[in-house]
PDB file of N, CA and C in Angstrom:
ATOM      1  N   PHE A   1     -47.260  41.117  -6.700  1.00  0.00           N
ATOM      2  CA  PHE A   1     -47.213  40.897  -5.986  1.00  0.00           C
ATOM      3  C   PHE A   1     -48.745  40.105  -6.056  1.00  0.00           C
ATOM      4  N   VAL A   2     -48.813  39.174  -5.006  1.00  0.00           N
ATOM      5  CA  VAL A   2     -49.989  38.078  -4.536  1.00  0.00           C
ATOM      6  C   VAL A   2     -50.759  38.298  -4.001  1.00  0.00           C
ATOM      7  N   TYR A   3     -51.599  38.487  -3.938  1.00  0.00           N
ATOM      8  CA  TYR A   3     -52.941  38.934  -2.695  1.00  0.00           C
ATOM      9  C   TYR A   3     -54.228  37.866  -2.785  1.00  0.00           C
ATOM     10  N   LEU A   4     -54.101  36.296  -2.011  1.00  0.00           N
ATOM     11  CA  LEU A   4     -54.530  35.739  -1.704  1.00  0.00           C
ATOM     12  C   LEU A   4     -55.406  35.201  -0.113  1.00  0.00           C
ATOM     13  N   ARG A   5     -55.645  36.709   0.192  1.00  0.00           N
ATOM     14  CA  ARG A   5     -56.237  36.972   1.531  1.00  0.00           C
ATOM     15  C   ARG A   5     -58.085  36.791   1.433  1.00  0.00           C
ATOM     16  N   ASP A   6     -58.272  36.199   2.406  1.00  0.00           N
ATOM     17  CA  ASP A   6     -59.618  35.646   2.545  1.00  0.00           C
ATOM     18  C   ASP A   6     -60.208  34.842   2.083  1.00  0.00           C
ATOM     19  N   ASN A   7     -59.284  33.705   2.187  1.00  0.00           N
ATOM     20  CA  ASN A   7     -59.785  32.403   0.532  1.00  0.00           C
ATOM     21  C   ASN A   7     -60.278  31.371   2.034  1.00  0.00           C
ATOM     22  N   LEU A   8     -60.389  29.813   1.578  1.00  0.00           N
ATOM     23  CA  LEU A   8     -60.256  28.956   1.898  1.00  0.00           C
ATOM     24  C   LEU A   8     -59.354  27.712   1.407  1.00  0.00           C
ATOM     25  N   LEU A   9     -57.722  28.593   1.950  1.00  0.00           N
ATOM     26  CA  LEU A   9     -56.850  28.224   1.178  1.00  0.00           C
ATOM     27  C   LEU A   9     -55.939  27.530   2.402  1.00  0.00           C
ATOM     28  N   SER A  10     -55.889  26.388   1.987  1.00  0.00           N
ATOM     29  CA  SER A  10     -55.307  24.810   3.282  1.00  0.00           C
ATOM     30  C   SER A  10     -53.382  24.608   3.202  1.00  0.00           C
ATOM     31  N   THR A  11     -53.139  24.659   1.996  1.00  0.00           N
ATOM     32  CA  THR A  11     -52.159  24.263   1.496  1.00  0.00           C
ATOM     33  C   THR A  11     -51.655  25.015   0.656  1.00  0.00           C
ATOM     34  N   LEU A  12     -50.267  25.043  -0.012  1.00  0.00           N
ATOM     35  CA  LEU A  12     -49.028  26.300  -0.508  1.00  0.00           C
ATOM     36  C   LEU A  12     -48.827  25.620  -1.865  1.00  0.00           C
ATOM     37  N   GLU A  13     -49.570  24.452  -2.312  1.00  0.00           N
ATOM     38  CA  GLU A  13     -49.294  23.040  -3.284  1.00  0.00           C
ATOM     39  C   GLU A  13     -49.446  24.911  -4.770  1.00  0.00           C
ATOM     40  N   GLY A  14     -48.379  24.499  -5.432  1.00  0.00           N
ATOM     41  CA  GLY A  14     -47.739  25.562  -6.803  1.00  0.00           C
ATOM     42  C   GLY A  14     -47.621  27.008  -6.125  1.00  0.00           C
ATOM     43  N   VAL A  15     -47.116  27.177  -5.117  1.00  0.00           N
ATOM     44  CA  VAL A  15     -46.604  28.156  -4.822  1.00  0.00           C
ATOM     45  C   VAL A  15     -44.869  28.280  -5.041  1.00  0.00           C
ATOM     46  N   GLU A  16     -44.186  26.986  -5.670  1.00  0.00           N
ATOM     47  CA  GLU A  16     -42.954  27.635  -5.984  1.00  0.00           C
ATOM     48  C   GLU A  16     -42.801  27.736  -7.341  1.00  0.00           C
ATOM     49  N   ILE A  17     -43.862  28.268  -8.158  1.00  0.00           N
ATOM     50  CA  ILE A  17     -43.419  28.566  -9.367  1.00  0.00           C
ATOM     51  C   ILE A  17     -43.573  30.355  -9.035  1.00  0.00           C
ATOM     52  N   LEU A  18     -43.673  31.031  -7.565  1.00  0.00           N
ATOM     53  CA  LEU A  18     -44.059  32.511  -7.890  1.00  0.00           C
ATOM     54  C   LEU A  18     -42.325  32.956  -7.083  1.00  0.00           C
ATOM     55  N   THR A  19     -41.588  32.456  -8.604  1.00  0.00           N
ATOM     56  CA  THR A  19     -40.322  33.205  -8.193  1.00  0.00           C
ATOM     57  C   THR A  19     -39.651  34.425  -8.123  1.00  0.00           C
ATOM     58  N   ARG A  20     -40.597  35.577  -8.432  1.00  0.00           N
ATOM     59  CA  ARG A  20     -40.483  36.564  -8.803  1.00  0.00           C
ATOM     60  C   ARG A  20     -41.113  37.763  -7.330  1.00  0.00           C
ATOM     61  N   VAL A  21     -42.433  36.625  -6.629  1.00  0.00           N
ATOM     62  CA  VAL A  21     -42.791  37.266  -5.625  1.00  0.00           C
ATOM     63  C   VAL A  21     -42.322  38.200  -5.018  1.00  0.00           C
ATOM     64  N   LYS A  22     -42.455  39.512  -4.529  1.00  0.00           N
ATOM     65  CA  LYS A  22     -41.686  40.156  -3.655  1.00  0.00           C
ATOM     66  C   LYS A  22     -42.890  40.356  -2.300  1.00  0.00           C
ATOM     67  N   VAL A  23     -44.626  40.336  -2.430  1.00  0.00           N
ATOM     68  CA  VAL A  23     -45.365  40.376  -1.154  1.00  0.00           C
ATOM     69  C   VAL A  23     -46.162  39.173  -1.659  1.00  0.00           C
ATOM     70  N   LEU A  24     -46.788  38.750  -0.601  1.00  0.00           N
ATOM     71  CA  LEU A  24     -47.115  37.259  -0.282  1.00  0.00           C
ATOM     72  C   LEU A  24     -48.142  37.525   0.916  1.00  0.00           C
ATOM     73  N   ASP A  25     -49.783  38.095   0.634  1.00  0.00           N
ATOM     74  CA  ASP A  25     -50.412  38.324   1.561  1.00  0.00           C
ATOM     75  C   ASP A  25     -51.057  36.772   1.843  1.00  0.00           C
ATOM     76  N   LEU A  26     -51.149  35.565   2.767  1.00  0.00           N
ATOM     77  CA  LEU A  26     -51.607  34.495   2.560  1.00  0.00           C
ATOM     78  C   LEU A  26     -52.748  34.683   4.127  1.00  0.00           C
ATOM     79  N   SER A  27     -52.756  35.476   4.028  1.00  0.00           N
ATOM     80  CA  SER A  27     -54.371  36.107   5.727  1.00  0.00           C
ATOM     81  C   SER A  27     -55.697  35.770   5.557  1.00  0.00           C
ATOM     82  N   PHE A  28     -56.199  35.421   6.669  1.00  0.00           N
ATOM     83  CA  PHE A  28     -57.502  34.886   6.371  1.00  0.00           C
ATOM     84  C   PHE A  28     -58.011  33.827   5.838  1.00  0.00           C
ATOM     85  N   ASN A  29     -56.785  32.702   6.115  1.00  0.00           N
ATOM     86  CA  ASN A  29     -56.983  31.386   5.241  1.00  0.00           C
ATOM     87  C   ASN A  29     -57.302  30.335   6.539  1.00  0.00           C
ATOM     88  N   ASP A  30     -57.192  29.059   5.795  1.00  0.00           N
ATOM     89  CA  ASP A  30     -57.602  27.658   6.696  1.00  0.00           C
ATOM     90  C   ASP A  30     -56.476  27.242   6.817  1.00  0.00           C
ATOM     91  N   PHE A  31     -54.664  27.882   6.804  1.00  0.00           N
ATOM     92  CA  PHE A  31     -53.817  26.988   6.932  1.00  0.00           C
ATOM     93  C   PHE A  31     -53.525  26.508   8.704  1.00  0.00           C
ATOM     94  N   LYS A  32     -53.211  25.104   8.737  1.00  0.00           N
ATOM     95  CA  LYS A  32     -53.238  24.792   9.851  1.00  0.00           C
ATOM     96  C   LYS A  32     -51.589  24.838  10.125  1.00  0.00           C
ATOM     97  N   GLY A  33     -51.214  23.733   9.295  1.00  0.00           N
ATOM     98  CA  GLY A  33     -49.924  23.258   9.497  1.00  0.00           C
ATOM     99  C   GLY A  33     -48.865  24.483   9.722  1.00  0.00           C
ATOM    100  N   PRO A  34     -47.869  23.721   9.882  1.00  0.00           N
ATOM    101  CA  PRO A  34     -46.383  25.251   9.906  1.00  0.00           C
ATOM    102  C   PRO A  34     -45.307  24.639   8.429  1.00  0.00           C
ATOM    103  N   GLU A  35     -46.342  24.055   7.393  1.00  0.00           N
ATOM    104  CA  GLU A  35     -45.741  23.678   6.482  1.00  0.00           C
ATOM    105  C   GLU A  35     -45.372  24.882   5.018  1.00  0.00           C
ATOM    106  N   PHE A  36     -44.427  26.306   5.730  1.00  0.00           N
ATOM    107  CA  PHE A  36     -43.886  26.684   4.565  1.00  0.00           C
ATOM    108  C   PHE A  36     -42.964  26.424   3.678  1.00  0.00           C
ATOM    109  N   GLU A  37     -42.706  25.758   3.902  1.00  0.00           N
ATOM    110  CA  GLU A  37     -41.371  24.856   2.827  1.00  0.00           C
ATOM    111  C   GLU A  37     -41.175  25.223   1.116  1.00  0.00           C
ATOM    112  N   PRO A  38     -42.272  25.662   0.579  1.00  0.00           N
ATOM    113  CA  PRO A  38     -42.493  25.599  -0.668  1.00  0.00           C
ATOM    114  C   PRO A  38     -42.391  26.641  -0.988  1.00  0.00           C
ATOM    115  N   LEU A  39     -42.485  27.937   0.024  1.00  0.00           N
ATOM    116  CA  LEU A  39     -41.497  29.144  -0.122  1.00  0.00           C
ATOM    117  C   LEU A  39     -40.422  29.265   0.013  1.00  0.00           C
ATOM    118  N   GLU A  40     -39.313  28.782   0.307  1.00  0.00           N
ATOM    119  CA  GLU A  40     -37.904  28.240  -0.627  1.00  0.00           C
ATOM    120  C   GLU A  40     -37.737  28.970  -2.392  1.00  0.00           C
ATOM    121  N   ASN A  41     -38.346  28.503  -2.781  1.00  0.00           N
ATOM    122  CA  ASN A  41     -38.196  29.040  -4.189  1.00  0.00           C
ATOM    123  C   ASN A  41     -38.521  30.684  -4.549  1.00  0.00           C
ATOM    124  N   CYS A  42     -38.897  31.205  -3.534  1.00  0.00           N
ATOM    125  CA  CYS A  42     -39.726  32.686  -3.759  1.00  0.00           C
ATOM    126  C   CYS A  42     -38.697  33.369  -2.742  1.00  0.00           C
ATOM    127  N   LYS A  43     -37.185  33.235  -3.474  1.00  0.00           N
ATOM    128  CA  LYS A  43     -35.926  33.844  -3.295  1.00  0.00           C
ATOM    129  C   LYS A  43     -36.035  35.530  -3.643  1.00  0.00           C
ATOM    130  N   VAL A  44     -37.276  36.452  -3.551  1.00  0.00           N
ATOM    131  CA  VAL A  44     -37.374  37.899  -3.748  1.00  0.00           C
ATOM    132  C   VAL A  44     -38.519  38.265  -3.080  1.00  0.00           C
ATOM    133  N   LEU A  45     -38.923  37.810  -2.322  1.00  0.00           N
ATOM    134  CA  LEU A  45     -40.280  37.765  -0.818  1.00  0.00           C
ATOM    135  C   LEU A  45     -39.814  38.288  -0.123  1.00  0.00           C
ATOM    136  N   GLN A  46     -40.245  39.767   0.125  1.00  0.00           N
ATOM    137  CA  GLN A  46     -40.017  40.858   1.205  1.00  0.00           C
ATOM    138  C   GLN A  46     -41.001  40.686   2.274  1.00  0.00           C
ATOM    139  N   PHE A  47     -42.401  40.840   1.921  1.00  0.00           N
ATOM    140  CA  PHE A  47     -43.001  40.928   2.404  1.00  0.00           C
ATOM    141  C   PHE A  47     -44.005  39.408   2.886  1.00  0.00           C
ATOM    142  N   LEU A  48     -44.346  38.774   3.985  1.00  0.00           N
ATOM    143  CA  LEU A  48     -45.043  38.130   3.852  1.00  0.00           C
ATOM    144  C   LEU A  48     -46.255  37.564   5.096  1.00  0.00           C
ATOM    145  N   SER A  49     -47.537  37.618   4.697  1.00  0.00           N
ATOM    146  CA  SER A  49     -48.992  37.950   5.699  1.00  0.00           C
ATOM    147  C   SER A  49     -49.417  36.492   5.836  1.00  0.00           C
ATOM    148  N   VAL A  50     -49.097  36.074   6.545  1.00  0.00           N
ATOM    149  CA  VAL A  50     -50.363  34.813   7.461  1.00  0.00           C
ATOM    150  C   VAL A  50     -50.880  34.468   8.245  1.00  0.00           C
ATOM    151  N   ALA A  51     -51.220  36.099   8.400  1.00  0.00           N
ATOM    152  CA  ALA A  51     -51.842  36.705   9.536  1.00  0.00           C
ATOM    153  C   ALA A  51     -53.313  35.690  10.087  1.00  0.00           C
ATOM    154  N   GLN A  52     -54.345  35.204  10.925  1.00  0.00           N
ATOM    155  CA  GLN A  52     -55.331  35.147  10.956  1.00  0.00           C
ATOM    156  C   GLN A  52     -55.377  33.917  10.490  1.00  0.00           C
ATOM    157  N   ASN A  53     -54.977  33.192  10.518  1.00  0.00           N
ATOM    158  CA  ASN A  53     -55.026  31.895  10.036  1.00  0.00           C
ATOM    159  C   ASN A  53     -55.039  30.428  11.234  1.00  0.00           C
ATOM    160  N   LYS A  54     -54.785  29.652  11.253  1.00  0.00           N
ATOM    161  CA  LYS A  54     -55.276  28.374  12.416  1.00  0.00           C
ATOM    162  C   LYS A  54     -53.576  28.194  12.700  1.00  0.00           C
ATOM    163  N   LEU A  55     -52.334  27.849  13.014  1.00  0.00           N
ATOM    164  CA  LEU A  55     -51.189  27.981  12.395  1.00  0.00           C
ATOM    165  C   LEU A  55     -50.603  27.686  14.242  1.00  0.00           C
ATOM    166  N   LYS A  56     -50.074  26.326  14.137  1.00  0.00           N
ATOM    167  CA  LYS A  56     -49.542  26.662  16.130  1.00  0.00           C
ATOM    168  C   LYS A  56     -48.670  26.348  15.849  1.00  0.00           C
ATOM    169  N   SER A  57     -47.864  26.423  14.536  1.00  0.00           N
ATOM    170  CA  SER A  57     -45.700  26.988  14.457  1.00  0.00           C
ATOM    171  C   SER A  57     -45.987  27.627  13.279  1.00  0.00           C
ATOM    172  N   LEU A  58     -44.501  27.901  13.093  1.00  0.00           N
ATOM    173  CA  LEU A  58     -44.078  28.430  11.847  1.00  0.00           C
ATOM    174  C   LEU A  58     -43.093  27.774  11.177  1.00  0.00           C
ATOM    175  N   SER A  59     -43.040  27.153  10.291  1.00  0.00           N
ATOM    176  CA  SER A  59     -41.407  26.337  10.086  1.00  0.00           C
ATOM    177  C   SER A  59     -41.585  26.920   8.495  1.00  0.00           C
ATOM    178  N   MET A  60     -40.715  27.834   7.852  1.00  0.00           N
ATOM    179  CA  MET A  60     -40.363  27.602   6.570  1.00  0.00           C
ATOM    180  C   MET A  60     -38.957  28.144   6.110  1.00  0.00           C
ATOM    181  N   ALA A  61     -38.617  27.825   5.313  1.00  0.00           N
ATOM    182  CA  ALA A  61     -37.662  27.800   4.287  1.00  0.00           C
ATOM    183  C   ALA A  61     -36.538  29.608   4.950  1.00  0.00           C
ATOM    184  N   SER A  62     -35.422  29.546   4.947  1.00  0.00           N
ATOM    185  CA  SER A  62     -34.909  30.930   5.479  1.00  0.00           C
ATOM    186  C   SER A  62     -35.308  31.080   3.966  1.00  0.00           C
ATOM    187  N   GLN A  63     -35.508  33.158   4.407  1.00  0.00           N
ATOM    188  CA  GLN A  63     -35.979  34.125   3.237  1.00  0.00           C
ATOM    189  C   GLN A  63     -34.849  35.195   2.977  1.00  0.00           C
ATOM    190  N   PRO A  64     -33.967  34.848   2.418  1.00  0.00           N
ATOM    191  CA  PRO A  64     -32.562  36.319   2.344  1.00  0.00           C
ATOM    192  C   PRO A  64     -33.198  37.706   2.523  1.00  0.00           C
ATOM    193  N   ARG A  65     -34.651  37.809   1.459  1.00  0.00           N
ATOM    194  CA  ARG A  65     -34.206  39.069   1.709  1.00  0.00           C
ATOM    195  C   ARG A  65     -35.849  39.210   2.231  1.00  0.00           C
ATOM    196  N   LEU A  66     -36.700  39.029   3.000  1.00  0.00           N
ATOM    197  CA  LEU A  66     -37.867  39.151   3.883  1.00  0.00           C
ATOM    198  C   LEU A  66     -37.021  40.455   4.792  1.00  0.00           C
ATOM    199  N   GLN A  67     -38.202  41.186   5.243  1.00  0.00           N
ATOM    200  CA  GLN A  67     -38.657  42.695   5.220  1.00  0.00           C
ATOM    201  C   GLN A  67     -38.918  42.193   6.930  1.00  0.00           C
ATOM    202  N   VAL A  68     -40.699  42.260   6.046  1.00  0.00           N
ATOM    203  CA  VAL A  68     -41.614  42.157   7.189  1.00  0.00           C
ATOM    204  C   VAL A  68     -42.253  40.234   7.371  1.00  0.00           C
ATOM    205  N   LEU A  69     -42.459  40.149   7.970  1.00  0.00           N
ATOM    206  CA  LEU A  69     -43.852  39.289   8.112  1.00  0.00           C
ATOM    207  C   LEU A  69     -44.449  39.512   9.338  1.00  0.00           C
ATOM    208  N   ALA A  70     -45.962  38.677   8.720  1.00  0.00           N
ATOM    209  CA  ALA A  70     -47.408  39.159   9.657  1.00  0.00           C
ATOM    210  C   ALA A  70     -47.643  37.805  10.077  1.00  0.00           C
ATOM    211  N   ALA A  71     -47.685  37.167  11.004  1.00  0.00           N
ATOM    212  CA  ALA A  71     -48.527  36.487  11.655  1.00  0.00           C
ATOM    213  C   ALA A  71     -49.229  36.167  13.101  1.00  0.00           C
ATOM    214  N   SER A  72     -49.781  37.112  13.201  1.00  0.00           N
ATOM    215  CA  SER A  72     -51.023  37.822  14.144  1.00  0.00           C
ATOM    216  C   SER A  72     -51.980  36.588  13.833  1.00  0.00           C
ATOM    217  N   LYS A  73     -51.958  36.564  15.184  1.00  0.00           N
ATOM    218  CA  LYS A  73     -54.178  35.746  15.324  1.00  0.00           C
ATOM    219  C   LYS A  73     -53.959  34.962  15.014  1.00  0.00           C
ATOM    220  N   ASN A  74     -52.617  34.017  15.210  1.00  0.00           N
ATOM    221  CA  ASN A  74     -53.034  32.051  14.903  1.00  0.00           C
ATOM    222  C   ASN A  74     -52.557  31.757  16.589  1.00  0.00           C
ATOM    223  N   ARG A  75     -52.188  30.604  16.203  1.00  0.00           N
ATOM    224  CA  ARG A  75     -52.338  29.724  17.213  1.00  0.00           C
ATOM    225  C   ARG A  75     -50.929  29.502  18.050  1.00  0.00           C
ATOM    226  N   ILE A  76     -49.740  30.193  17.588  1.00  0.00           N
ATOM    227  CA  ILE A  76     -48.561  29.751  17.268  1.00  0.00           C
ATOM    228  C   ILE A  76     -48.126  29.607  18.943  1.00  0.00           C
ATOM    229  N   SER A  77     -47.284  28.585  18.999  1.00  0.00           N
ATOM    230  CA  SER A  77     -46.601  28.378  20.803  1.00  0.00           C
ATOM    231  C   SER A  77     -45.610  28.197  20.580  1.00  0.00           C
ATOM    232  N   THR A  78     -44.880  27.905  19.414  1.00  0.00           N
ATOM    233  CA  THR A  78     -43.217  27.555  19.539  1.00  0.00           C
ATOM    234  C   THR A  78     -43.108  28.724  18.025  1.00  0.00           C
ATOM    235  N   LEU A  79     -42.074  29.018  18.492  1.00  0.00           N
ATOM    236  CA  LEU A  79     -40.669  29.277  17.034  1.00  0.00           C
ATOM    237  C   LEU A  79     -39.814  28.267  17.006  1.00  0.00           C
ATOM    238  N   LYS A  80     -39.408  26.968  18.150  1.00  0.00           N
ATOM    239  CA  LYS A  80     -39.102  25.946  17.516  1.00  0.00           C
ATOM    240  C   LYS A  80     -38.177  25.987  15.921  1.00  0.00           C
ATOM    241  N   GLY A  81     -37.175  26.308  15.304  1.00  0.00           N
ATOM    242  CA  GLY A  81     -36.896  25.701  14.022  1.00  0.00           C
ATOM    243  C   GLY A  81     -36.788  26.431  13.174  1.00  0.00           C
ATOM    244  N   PHE A  82     -36.978  27.927  13.823  1.00  0.00           N
ATOM    245  CA  PHE A  82     -37.765  29.153  13.147  1.00  0.00           C
ATOM    246  C   PHE A  82     -36.381  29.989  11.964  1.00  0.00           C
ATOM    247  N   PRO A  83     -36.843  30.051  11.375  1.00  0.00           N
ATOM    248  CA  PRO A  83     -35.770  30.224   9.998  1.00  0.00           C
ATOM    249  C   PRO A  83     -35.208  31.484  10.148  1.00  0.00           C
ATOM    250  N   TYR A  84     -34.029  31.258   9.185  1.00  0.00           N
ATOM    251  CA  TYR A  84     -32.627  31.962   9.257  1.00  0.00           C
ATOM    252  C   TYR A  84     -33.301  33.414   8.674  1.00  0.00           C
ATOM    253  N   LEU A  85     -33.205  34.646   9.294  1.00  0.00           N
ATOM    254  CA  LEU A  85     -34.063  35.633   8.423  1.00  0.00           C
ATOM    255  C   LEU A  85     -33.654  36.978   8.255  1.00  0.00           C
ATOM    256  N   PRO A  86     -31.637  37.359   7.789  1.00  0.00           N
ATOM    257  CA  PRO A  86     -31.013  38.550   7.649  1.00  0.00           C
ATOM    258  C   PRO A  86     -31.577  39.500   8.126  1.00  0.00           C
ATOM    259  N   VAL A  87     -32.653  40.038   7.064  1.00  0.00           N
ATOM    260  CA  VAL A  87     -32.884  41.837   7.058  1.00  0.00           C
ATOM    261  C   VAL A  87     -34.271  41.587   7.199  1.00  0.00           C
ATOM    262  N   LEU A  88     -34.589  40.488   8.783  1.00  0.00           N
ATOM    263  CA  LEU A  88     -36.242  40.914   8.894  1.00  0.00           C
ATOM    264  C   LEU A  88     -36.086  42.141   9.951  1.00  0.00           C
ATOM    265  N   GLU A  89     -36.808  43.311   9.924  1.00  0.00           N
ATOM    266  CA  GLU A  89     -37.574  44.313  10.596  1.00  0.00           C
ATOM    267  C   GLU A  89     -38.356  44.495  11.414  1.00  0.00           C
TER     268      GLU A  89
END
C-alpha cells in the first residue's frame, strides 16, 4: 500500500519499481498530463486514486486486477484511449 496523497507530485518517475503494490493513492497532487503508462509494471494494482489533480484526460496501461479507480475532481474531458480494465467495479 502506497499513499502519496497531498504532495506536489507531477510525474510518476520511479513508480515502475512498485511491482507488488495493491493500493496506490496519488490524490491531491499536481498531475496535469495523462501519462500513467508507468503503472504498467504494477500488475497487482487493485485500487488507484488520482482524484483532486489537474488531469484533462486519463491515459494508462491496462490493469488486469484494478477494481477501483477514483478520478473525481479533475478536468477530464475525454476517455479516448481508456485502458482495458476487465474487473473494474
